Amino acid sequence: MIVLDTKAIKTISNLLTAVKTDAATHADERVLHATYRCNDLAILLRDKLKIHPGEAKRRTR
């Protein structure tokens, strides 16, 4: 069993947020939403990743 302290969990959470933001930025730069016939990146993220619309919008800021 692996036991993580609060600091380790926060670090992992921060890294995950950075990766999500970076992936959304790269998708936006490549105009990936147009490939899937979506009007904008938030719609693509919502539809393909099955995430809440508000979360999709936050990732595209």
N, C-alpha and C. Protein backbone atom coordinates (compact mmCIF):
# COMPACT_ATOMS: atom_id res chain seq x y z
N MET A 1 0.84 -1.17 0.00
CA MET A 1 0.00 0.00 0.00
C MET A 1 0.89 1.24 0.00
N ILE A 2 0.54 2.20 -0.86
CA ILE A 2 1.28 3.45 -0.93
C ILE A 2 0.51 4.50 -0.14
N VAL A 3 1.20 5.18 0.75
CA VAL A 3 0.59 6.24 1.53
C VAL A 3 1.24 7.56 1.13
N LEU A 4 0.42 8.52 0.71
CA LEU A 4 0.92 9.82 0.29
C LEU A 4 0.54 10.86 1.32
N ASP A 5 1.45 11.76 1.59
CA ASP A 5 1.12 12.85 2.49
C ASP A 5 0.41 13.96 1.73
N THR A 6 -0.09 14.93 2.43
CA THR A 6 -0.85 16.03 1.83
C THR A 6 -0.03 16.78 0.80
N LYS A 7 1.24 17.01 1.08
CA LYS A 7 2.10 17.75 0.15
C LYS A 7 2.26 16.99 -1.17
N ALA A 8 2.43 15.67 -1.11
CA ALA A 8 2.58 14.86 -2.31
C ALA A 8 1.30 14.87 -3.14
N ILE A 9 0.17 14.80 -2.48
CA ILE A 9 -1.12 14.82 -3.18
C ILE A 9 -1.31 16.17 -3.86
N LYS A 10 -0.97 17.26 -3.19
CA LYS A 10 -1.09 18.60 -3.77
C LYS A 10 -0.16 18.74 -4.98
N THR A 11 1.05 18.21 -4.88
CA THR A 11 2.00 18.26 -5.99
C THR A 11 1.45 17.51 -7.20
N ILE A 12 0.91 16.33 -6.98
CA ILE A 12 0.34 15.53 -8.06
C ILE A 12 -0.85 16.27 -8.68
N SER A 13 -1.68 16.87 -7.85
CA SER A 13 -2.83 17.62 -8.34
C SER A 13 -2.39 18.80 -9.21
N ASN A 14 -1.36 19.52 -8.77
CA ASN A 14 -0.84 20.65 -9.54
C ASN A 14 -0.26 20.20 -10.88
N LEU A 15 0.45 19.08 -10.88
CA LEU A 15 1.01 18.56 -12.13
C LEU A 15 -0.09 18.15 -13.10
N LEU A 16 -1.11 17.52 -12.58
CA LEU A 16 -2.23 17.10 -13.41
C LEU A 16 -2.93 18.31 -14.04
N THR A 17 -3.13 19.35 -13.26
CA THR A 17 -3.74 20.57 -13.78
C THR A 17 -2.88 21.19 -14.88
N ALA A 18 -1.57 21.20 -14.68
CA ALA A 18 -0.66 21.74 -15.68
C ALA A 18 -0.73 20.94 -16.98
N VAL A 19 -0.80 19.64 -16.87
CA VAL A 19 -0.88 18.77 -18.06
C VAL A 19 -2.18 19.02 -18.81
N LYS A 20 -3.29 19.13 -18.08
CA LYS A 20 -4.58 19.38 -18.72
C LYS A 20 -4.57 20.71 -19.46
N THR A 21 -4.01 21.72 -18.83
CA THR A 21 -3.94 23.05 -19.45
C THR A 21 -3.05 23.02 -20.68
N ASP A 22 -1.90 22.35 -20.58
CA ASP A 22 -0.97 22.26 -21.70
C ASP A 22 -1.60 21.51 -22.87
N ALA A 23 -2.31 20.44 -22.59
CA ALA A 23 -2.96 19.67 -23.65
C ALA A 23 -4.03 20.51 -24.35
N ALA A 24 -4.80 21.27 -23.58
CA ALA A 24 -5.83 22.13 -24.17
C ALA A 24 -5.19 23.22 -25.02
N THR A 25 -4.08 23.78 -24.56
CA THR A 25 -3.37 24.82 -25.32
C THR A 25 -2.88 24.27 -26.65
N HIS A 26 -2.29 23.09 -26.63
CA HIS A 26 -1.80 22.48 -27.87
C HIS A 26 -2.94 22.16 -28.82
N ALA A 27 -4.04 21.67 -28.29
CA ALA A 27 -5.21 21.37 -29.13
C ALA A 27 -5.74 22.64 -29.77
N ASP A 28 -5.75 23.72 -29.00
CA ASP A 28 -6.23 25.00 -29.52
C ASP A 28 -5.29 25.53 -30.60
N GLU A 29 -3.99 25.43 -30.39
CA GLU A 29 -3.01 25.89 -31.38
C GLU A 29 -3.13 25.13 -32.69
N ARG A 30 -3.47 23.87 -32.60
CA ARG A 30 -3.60 23.03 -33.80
C ARG A 30 -4.99 23.10 -34.42
N VAL A 31 -5.87 23.90 -33.84
CA VAL A 31 -7.25 24.05 -34.28
C VAL A 31 -7.91 22.67 -34.40
N LEU A 32 -7.64 21.85 -33.41
CA LEU A 32 -8.12 20.48 -33.40
C LEU A 32 -9.64 20.39 -33.42
N HIS A 33 -10.30 21.38 -32.82
CA HIS A 33 -11.77 21.33 -32.80
C HIS A 33 -12.38 21.34 -34.20
N ALA A 34 -11.72 22.01 -35.14
CA ALA A 34 -12.23 22.04 -36.51
C ALA A 34 -12.17 20.67 -37.16
N THR A 35 -11.16 19.89 -36.82
CA THR A 35 -11.01 18.53 -37.35
C THR A 35 -12.23 17.68 -37.00
N TYR A 36 -12.78 17.92 -35.80
CA TYR A 36 -13.93 17.15 -35.33
C TYR A 36 -15.25 17.89 -35.55
N ARG A 37 -15.19 18.95 -36.36
CA ARG A 37 -16.38 19.73 -36.72
C ARG A 37 -17.10 20.32 -35.51
N CYS A 38 -16.31 20.81 -34.55
CA CYS A 38 -16.86 21.49 -33.39
C CYS A 38 -16.63 22.99 -33.55
N ASN A 39 -17.54 23.79 -33.03
CA ASN A 39 -17.42 25.24 -33.17
C ASN A 39 -16.25 25.82 -32.38
N ASP A 40 -15.93 25.23 -31.24
CA ASP A 40 -14.78 25.71 -30.48
C ASP A 40 -14.19 24.58 -29.63
N LEU A 41 -13.06 24.87 -29.02
CA LEU A 41 -12.34 23.85 -28.26
C LEU A 41 -13.12 23.37 -27.05
N ALA A 42 -13.85 24.25 -26.39
CA ALA A 42 -14.63 23.86 -25.21
C ALA A 42 -15.65 22.78 -25.57
N ILE A 43 -16.27 22.92 -26.72
CA ILE A 43 -17.25 21.92 -27.17
C ILE A 43 -16.56 20.59 -27.44
N LEU A 44 -15.40 20.63 -28.07
CA LEU A 44 -14.64 19.40 -28.32
C LEU A 44 -14.27 18.71 -27.01
N LEU A 45 -13.75 19.47 -26.06
CA LEU A 45 -13.37 18.89 -24.77
C LEU A 45 -14.58 18.29 -24.07
N ARG A 46 -15.68 19.00 -24.08
CA ARG A 46 -16.90 18.51 -23.43
C ARG A 46 -17.38 17.22 -24.07
N ASP A 47 -17.42 17.19 -25.41
CA ASP A 47 -17.97 16.04 -26.11
C ASP A 47 -17.05 14.82 -26.09
N LYS A 48 -15.77 15.04 -26.33
CA LYS A 48 -14.84 13.91 -26.45
C LYS A 48 -14.33 13.41 -25.10
N LEU A 49 -14.14 14.33 -24.15
CA LEU A 49 -13.63 13.92 -22.84
C LEU A 49 -14.73 13.69 -21.82
N LYS A 50 -15.96 14.03 -22.23
CA LYS A 50 -17.13 13.85 -21.37
C LYS A 50 -16.97 14.59 -20.04
N ILE A 51 -16.55 15.84 -20.12
CA ILE A 51 -16.39 16.65 -18.91
C ILE A 51 -17.49 17.71 -18.86
N HIS A 52 -17.70 18.24 -17.68
CA HIS A 52 -18.71 19.27 -17.45
C HIS A 52 -18.42 20.49 -18.32
N PRO A 53 -19.44 21.10 -18.90
CA PRO A 53 -19.22 22.27 -19.76
C PRO A 53 -18.42 23.39 -19.10
N GLY A 54 -18.65 23.63 -17.81
CA GLY A 54 -17.90 24.67 -17.10
C GLY A 54 -16.42 24.34 -17.02
N GLU A 55 -16.10 23.07 -16.78
CA GLU A 55 -14.70 22.63 -16.73
C GLU A 55 -14.06 22.76 -18.10
N ALA A 56 -14.78 22.41 -19.14
CA ALA A 56 -14.25 22.54 -20.51
C ALA A 56 -13.94 24.00 -20.82
N LYS A 57 -14.83 24.89 -20.42
CA LYS A 57 -14.62 26.32 -20.67
C LYS A 57 -13.41 26.83 -19.92
N ARG A 58 -13.23 26.39 -18.66
CA ARG A 58 -12.07 26.83 -17.86
C ARG A 58 -10.76 26.38 -18.51
N ARG A 59 -10.75 25.21 -19.09
CA ARG A 59 -9.52 24.70 -19.71
C ARG A 59 -9.13 25.44 -20.99
N THR A 60 -10.07 26.19 -21.56
CA THR A 60 -9.78 26.89 -22.81
C THR A 60 -9.48 28.36 -22.62
N ARG A 61 -9.40 28.81 -21.42
CA ARG A 61 -9.11 30.24 -21.17
C ARG A 61 -7.68 30.57 -21.48
